[in-house]
C-alpha cells in the first residue's frame, strides 16, 4: 500500500482527522482526537506506525522481521512501524483497522457514544 492508499483508507474511517503536529514530514491520523496512525512522508520505502496489541506486535515483528519493527519514538510495546509497500495490502488494512479499534476502545464512554452517533 502506497502513501495515497494509506491516507485514503485512514480518512475513510469514521471521525478521522489528519494533522501535522510533529512538523511537515509526519502525517498523523486521529480518531476523536487520539492518534492511531502516523506516516513518515519522506521515508522510502513508505513507513507508518500503528498502535497494536502488545502480544500481536511481537508476533508480527517475528513473522515479518525485515518489514515490521518497534515504532521509532513510540512505546515499542504498543506501536509497530511497518513498510507498507513491502507487506500484503490485506495485512496493512487489517493492522490499520486494529489500531483504529484499539484507540476507539480506549476512548471514554462519552466519546465512544459520540462516535457511534456520527
Protein backbone atom coordinates (compact mmCIF):
# COMPACT_ATOMS: atom_id res chain seq x y z
CA UNK A 1 0.00 0.00 0.00
CA UNK A 2 1.44 3.35 -1.01
CA UNK A 3 1.07 6.65 0.83
CA UNK A 4 -2.07 7.70 -1.06
CA UNK A 5 -3.79 4.38 -0.44
CA UNK A 6 -2.85 4.55 3.24
CA UNK A 7 -4.09 8.14 3.56
CA UNK A 8 -7.35 7.47 1.72
CA UNK A 9 -8.09 4.36 3.77
CA UNK A 10 -7.45 6.14 7.08
CA UNK A 11 -9.55 9.17 6.11
CA UNK A 12 -12.45 6.94 5.07
CA UNK A 13 -12.82 5.71 8.64
CA UNK A 14 -15.40 7.35 10.88
CA UNK A 15 -14.40 10.61 12.65
CA UNK A 16 -10.79 10.57 11.43
CA UNK A 17 -8.77 13.76 11.08
CA UNK A 18 -5.28 14.26 9.71
CA UNK A 19 -2.72 16.62 11.17
CA UNK A 20 0.95 17.53 11.03
CA UNK A 21 1.67 18.12 14.76
CA UNK A 22 5.29 16.92 14.56
CA UNK A 23 6.26 19.03 11.57
CA UNK A 24 5.78 18.75 7.82
CA UNK A 25 7.30 15.27 7.46
CA UNK A 26 4.96 13.23 9.69
CA UNK A 27 1.29 12.81 8.83
CA UNK A 28 -0.81 11.88 11.88
CA UNK A 29 -4.29 10.37 11.83
CA UNK A 30 -6.55 10.69 14.85
CA UNK A 31 -9.97 9.39 15.80
CA UNK A 32 -11.85 11.65 18.22
CA UNK A 33 -8.59 13.46 18.94
CA UNK A 34 -6.49 10.35 19.72
CA UNK A 35 -3.69 9.21 17.46
CA UNK A 36 -3.95 5.79 15.80
CA UNK A 37 -1.57 6.13 12.82
CA UNK A 38 1.48 8.11 11.72
CA UNK A 39 3.09 8.16 8.31
CA UNK A 40 6.63 9.32 7.58
CA UNK A 41 6.12 11.31 4.37
CA UNK A 42 9.77 11.36 3.32
CA UNK A 43 10.65 7.73 4.05
CA UNK A 44 11.49 5.39 1.20
CA UNK A 45 10.02 2.85 1.34
CA UNK A 46 6.94 4.45 2.91
CA UNK A 47 6.71 3.65 6.64
CA UNK A 48 3.82 4.01 9.04
CA UNK A 49 3.43 3.48 12.77
CA UNK A 50 0.29 1.83 14.08
CA UNK A 51 -0.92 1.00 17.56
CA UNK A 52 -1.03 -2.73 18.21
CA UNK A 53 -1.89 -5.19 20.94
CA UNK A 54 1.41 -5.97 22.69
CA UNK A 55 1.38 -9.74 22.02
CA UNK A 56 0.34 -9.26 18.41
CA UNK A 57 3.03 -6.58 17.97
CA UNK A 58 5.76 -9.03 18.94
CA UNK A 59 4.32 -11.81 16.80
CA UNK A 60 4.22 -9.53 13.75
CA UNK A 61 7.85 -8.47 14.29
CA UNK A 62 8.83 -12.14 14.46
CA UNK A 63 6.84 -13.03 11.34
CA UNK A 64 7.99 -10.02 9.25
CA UNK A 65 11.40 -9.09 10.73
CA UNK A 66 12.53 -7.20 7.62
CA UNK A 67 9.41 -5.03 7.33
CA UNK A 68 7.89 -4.63 10.82
CA UNK A 69 9.71 -3.30 13.88
CA UNK A 70 9.04 -1.41 17.09
CA UNK A 71 7.99 2.13 16.18
CA UNK A 72 10.64 4.83 16.42
CA UNK A 73 9.97 7.40 19.19
CA UNK A 74 6.90 5.45 20.36
CA UNK A 75 6.23 2.88 23.07
CA UNK A 76 7.54 -0.20 21.28
CA UNK A 77 5.32 -2.43 23.40
CA UNK A 78 2.22 -0.92 21.79
CA UNK A 79 3.36 0.56 18.46
CA UNK A 80 4.81 -1.06 15.34
CA UNK A 81 6.44 0.60 12.37
CA UNK A 82 5.83 -1.10 9.03
CA UNK A 83 6.94 -0.72 5.46
CA UNK A 84 3.51 -0.78 3.87
CA UNK A 85 4.66 -1.33 0.29
CA UNK A 86 6.58 -4.49 1.30
CA UNK A 87 3.65 -6.19 3.06
CA UNK A 88 0.43 -7.76 1.75
CA UNK A 89 -2.20 -5.00 1.35
CA UNK A 90 -4.76 -7.06 3.30
CA UNK A 91 -2.37 -7.22 6.27
CA UNK A 92 -1.82 -3.45 6.20
CA UNK A 93 -5.58 -2.83 6.10
CA UNK A 94 -6.14 -5.26 8.97
CA UNK A 95 -3.46 -3.50 11.03
CA UNK A 96 -4.92 -0.06 10.35
CA UNK A 97 -8.32 -1.38 11.46
CA UNK A 98 -6.76 -2.99 14.54
CA UNK A 99 -5.04 0.27 15.52
CA UNK A 100 -8.22 2.31 14.99
CA UNK A 101 -10.28 -0.17 17.02
CA UNK A 102 -7.78 -0.20 19.91
CA UNK A 103 -7.90 3.58 20.14
CA UNK A 104 -11.70 3.68 19.93
CA UNK A 105 -11.93 1.09 22.73
CA UNK A 106 -9.68 3.25 24.91
CA UNK A 107 -11.81 6.37 24.48
CA UNK A 108 -14.02 7.50 27.36
CA UNK A 109 -17.56 6.12 27.10
CA UNK A 110 -18.88 9.59 26.29
CA UNK A 111 -16.63 9.85 23.22
CA UNK A 112 -17.39 6.29 22.17
CA UNK A 113 -21.10 7.13 22.27
CA UNK A 114 -20.50 10.36 20.34
CA UNK A 115 -18.55 8.41 17.71
CA UNK A 116 -21.28 5.80 17.46
CA UNK A 117 -23.87 8.54 16.88
CA UNK A 118 -21.96 10.12 13.98
